[in-house]
Amino acid sequence: MNQLLTPFSILAAIGLFLSLIVHLYALLGQRVPFGNLAWGLHVGIFIVWFPAVSLGKRLSKDYKQSELFQAMLRGCPIWMKKMPYLFFLYAAINMLWSISTGQATKCGDIGNEIQQFRLFSGFWMVFYSAAFSILYSASQTEIFDKERRCRNGHVVSPSARFCEDCGAPVAEWRM
């Protein structure tokens, strides 16, 4: 699976970048530069999402239910941990704005296609950013989890704050 992390991470980053471009064009009321090929970003989500979910389950198996997503992203820098949350918040606001202004219900013209791209690309960004973050975390966490020890050198579990053997504090961990 390690050999596949890099290609899937790159695909997720490309999908995020392309969905961001589609969204910016739609936000400005412009035709999307990729035309109807942009709808292929729907399919791309599934290509990167299934491996991300599979790895996310493995990354979070030793954690409490309330810490699942944090556990999945523990190998990410802080900005990358916040990115899926911010895109989700933005997508929700974008959807509510589209519904409240009636933009989501217009039919029959080029404006409708632009509005559809605007609405869908908001959610594409959520899924691609989450997949990218989880895949990146998986590539980093495997290295870090092997080295996680207390101050006295005992191996500790992924979520331990204190050593189960000697009670010594565990060095701060990216959570």
Protein backbone atom coordinates (compact mmCIF):
# COMPACT_ATOMS: atom_id res chain seq x y z
CA MET A 1 0.00 0.00 0.00
CA ASN A 2 2.93 2.34 0.62
CA GLN A 3 3.77 2.46 -3.10
CA LEU A 4 0.22 3.60 -3.83
CA LEU A 5 0.16 6.41 -1.26
CA THR A 6 2.12 8.84 -3.40
CA PRO A 7 0.09 8.39 -6.62
CA PHE A 8 -3.23 8.63 -4.76
CA SER A 9 -2.00 11.67 -2.82
CA ILE A 10 -0.98 13.34 -6.07
CA LEU A 11 -4.36 12.52 -7.65
CA ALA A 12 -6.15 13.99 -4.63
CA ALA A 13 -4.01 17.16 -4.81
CA ILE A 14 -4.69 17.49 -8.54
CA GLY A 15 -8.41 16.95 -7.95
CA LEU A 16 -8.40 19.62 -5.25
CA PHE A 17 -6.56 22.05 -7.51
CA LEU A 18 -8.87 21.41 -10.48
CA SER A 19 -12.02 21.68 -8.37
CA LEU A 20 -10.69 24.95 -6.96
CA ILE A 21 -10.20 26.26 -10.51
CA VAL A 22 -13.70 25.15 -11.51
CA HIS A 23 -15.13 26.80 -8.42
CA LEU A 24 -13.32 30.09 -8.97
CA TYR A 25 -14.51 30.30 -12.57
CA ALA A 26 -18.08 29.48 -11.56
CA LEU A 27 -17.91 31.96 -8.68
CA LEU A 28 -16.93 34.67 -11.15
CA GLY A 29 -19.77 33.65 -13.49
CA GLN A 30 -17.39 32.42 -16.17
CA ARG A 31 -17.60 29.26 -18.23
CA VAL A 32 -15.47 26.49 -16.79
CA PRO A 33 -12.25 26.11 -18.81
CA PHE A 34 -12.54 22.31 -18.97
CA GLY A 35 -16.13 22.33 -20.21
CA ASN A 36 -18.10 19.19 -19.53
CA LEU A 37 -14.87 17.30 -18.74
CA ALA A 38 -15.02 19.02 -15.35
CA TRP A 39 -17.84 16.63 -14.41
CA GLY A 40 -15.14 13.94 -14.37
CA LEU A 41 -14.16 15.34 -10.99
CA HIS A 42 -17.19 13.44 -9.67
CA VAL A 43 -15.55 10.16 -10.63
CA GLY A 44 -12.16 11.28 -9.36
CA ILE A 45 -13.53 11.61 -5.85
CA PHE A 46 -14.24 7.88 -5.72
CA ILE A 47 -10.80 7.03 -7.05
CA VAL A 48 -9.09 8.78 -4.12
CA TRP A 49 -11.82 8.47 -1.50
CA PHE A 50 -11.91 4.67 -1.15
CA PRO A 51 -8.16 4.36 -0.40
CA ALA A 52 -8.37 7.36 1.95
CA VAL A 53 -11.24 5.83 3.92
CA SER A 54 -9.47 2.48 4.09
CA LEU A 55 -6.29 4.07 5.41
CA GLY A 56 -8.27 6.35 7.69
CA LYS A 57 -9.82 3.31 9.37
CA ARG A 58 -6.38 1.86 9.99
CA LEU A 59 -5.05 5.16 11.31
CA SER A 60 -7.89 5.53 13.79
CA LYS A 61 -8.42 1.93 14.93
CA ASP A 62 -6.86 2.46 18.39
CA TYR A 63 -8.65 5.74 19.09
CA LYS A 64 -11.93 6.71 20.69
CA GLN A 65 -14.93 7.46 18.46
CA SER A 66 -14.72 11.17 19.33
CA GLU A 67 -11.10 11.36 18.10
CA LEU A 68 -11.44 9.52 14.76
CA PHE A 69 -10.86 12.36 12.32
CA GLN A 70 -8.13 13.86 14.51
CA ALA A 71 -6.44 10.46 14.60
CA MET A 72 -6.66 10.16 10.82
CA LEU A 73 -4.95 13.54 10.41
CA ARG A 74 -2.34 13.21 13.16
CA GLY A 75 0.55 13.10 10.68
CA CYS A 76 -0.45 16.38 9.00
CA PRO A 77 0.79 19.90 9.66
CA ILE A 78 -1.77 22.13 11.37
CA TRP A 79 -2.84 23.96 8.19
CA MET A 80 -3.57 20.63 6.51
CA LYS A 81 -5.61 19.43 9.50
CA LYS A 82 -7.82 22.52 9.26
CA MET A 83 -8.19 22.51 5.48
CA PRO A 84 -11.02 19.90 5.19
CA TYR A 85 -12.98 21.62 7.98
CA LEU A 86 -12.66 25.03 6.30
CA PHE A 87 -13.68 23.65 2.90
CA PHE A 88 -16.67 21.93 4.54
CA LEU A 89 -17.73 25.16 6.22
CA TYR A 90 -17.32 27.05 2.95
CA ALA A 91 -19.28 24.41 0.98
CA ALA A 92 -22.15 24.57 3.47
CA ILE A 93 -22.27 28.38 3.30
CA ASN A 94 -22.03 28.27 -0.49
CA MET A 95 -24.92 25.79 -0.67
CA LEU A 96 -27.10 27.80 1.73
CA TRP A 97 -26.38 30.98 -0.22
CA SER A 98 -27.26 29.29 -3.51
CA ILE A 99 -30.54 27.99 -2.11
CA SER A 100 -31.52 31.23 -0.37
CA THR A 101 -30.90 33.36 -3.47
CA GLY A 102 -32.66 30.92 -5.78
CA GLN A 103 -29.47 30.26 -7.76
CA ALA A 104 -29.80 26.51 -7.21
CA THR A 105 -33.23 26.36 -8.88
CA LYS A 106 -32.66 28.28 -12.13
CA CYS A 107 -33.07 26.07 -15.18
CA GLY A 108 -32.51 26.11 -18.90
CA ASP A 109 -29.59 28.46 -19.53
CA ILE A 110 -25.82 28.66 -19.32
CA GLY A 111 -26.16 30.34 -15.95
CA ASN A 112 -27.65 27.14 -14.59
CA GLU A 113 -24.60 25.13 -15.64
CA ILE A 114 -22.30 27.68 -14.02
CA GLN A 115 -24.34 27.55 -10.81
CA GLN A 116 -24.25 23.75 -10.84
CA PHE A 117 -20.48 23.83 -11.18
CA ARG A 118 -20.31 26.32 -8.33
CA LEU A 119 -22.42 24.15 -6.06
CA PHE A 120 -20.77 20.81 -6.89
CA SER A 121 -17.20 22.12 -6.93
CA GLY A 122 -17.66 23.36 -3.37
CA PHE A 123 -18.25 19.78 -2.26
CA TRP A 124 -15.54 18.39 -4.53
CA MET A 125 -13.06 20.57 -2.63
CA VAL A 126 -14.24 19.05 0.68
CA PHE A 127 -13.73 15.46 -0.43
CA TYR A 128 -10.47 16.03 -2.28
CA SER A 129 -8.97 18.01 0.62
CA ALA A 130 -10.02 15.36 3.15
CA ALA A 131 -8.65 12.56 0.97
CA PHE A 132 -5.39 14.44 0.38
CA SER A 133 -4.96 15.12 4.11
CA ILE A 134 -5.70 11.52 5.15
CA LEU A 135 -3.38 10.08 2.49
CA TYR A 136 -0.61 12.49 3.47
CA SER A 137 -1.11 11.65 7.14
CA ALA A 138 -0.89 7.94 6.39
CA SER A 139 2.44 8.43 4.65
CA GLN A 140 3.81 10.39 7.63
CA THR A 141 2.20 8.56 10.53
CA GLU A 142 3.63 5.16 9.76
CA ILE A 143 7.10 6.60 10.33
CA PHE A 144 6.12 8.46 13.50
CA ASP A 145 4.12 5.62 15.08
CA LYS A 146 7.13 3.28 14.92
CA GLU A 147 9.19 5.78 16.95
CA ARG A 148 6.61 6.67 19.63
CA ARG A 149 8.07 5.99 23.06
CA CYS A 150 7.98 7.40 26.58
CA ARG A 151 10.92 9.32 28.04
CA ASN A 152 12.33 6.09 29.44
CA GLY A 153 12.25 4.34 26.05
CA HIS A 154 9.19 2.11 26.45
CA VAL A 155 6.93 1.67 23.43
CA VAL A 156 3.51 3.29 24.05
CA SER A 157 0.12 3.07 22.35
CA PRO A 158 -0.88 5.71 19.77
CA SER A 159 -3.17 7.69 22.07
CA ALA A 160 -1.23 7.31 25.35
CA ARG A 161 -0.25 10.45 27.20
CA PHE A 162 1.61 8.48 29.86
CA CYS A 163 3.58 5.23 29.60
CA GLU A 164 1.63 2.14 30.56
CA ASP A 165 4.81 0.53 31.98
CA CYS A 166 6.46 3.25 34.06
CA GLY A 167 3.99 6.17 34.11
CA ALA A 168 6.45 8.59 32.53
CA PRO A 169 4.95 11.31 30.33
CA VAL A 170 4.98 10.75 26.59
CA ALA A 171 6.44 13.52 24.48
CA GLU A 172 3.83 15.79 22.88
CA TRP A 173 2.23 14.17 19.90
CA ARG A 174 0.59 15.67 16.83
CA MET A 175 -3.08 15.31 17.59
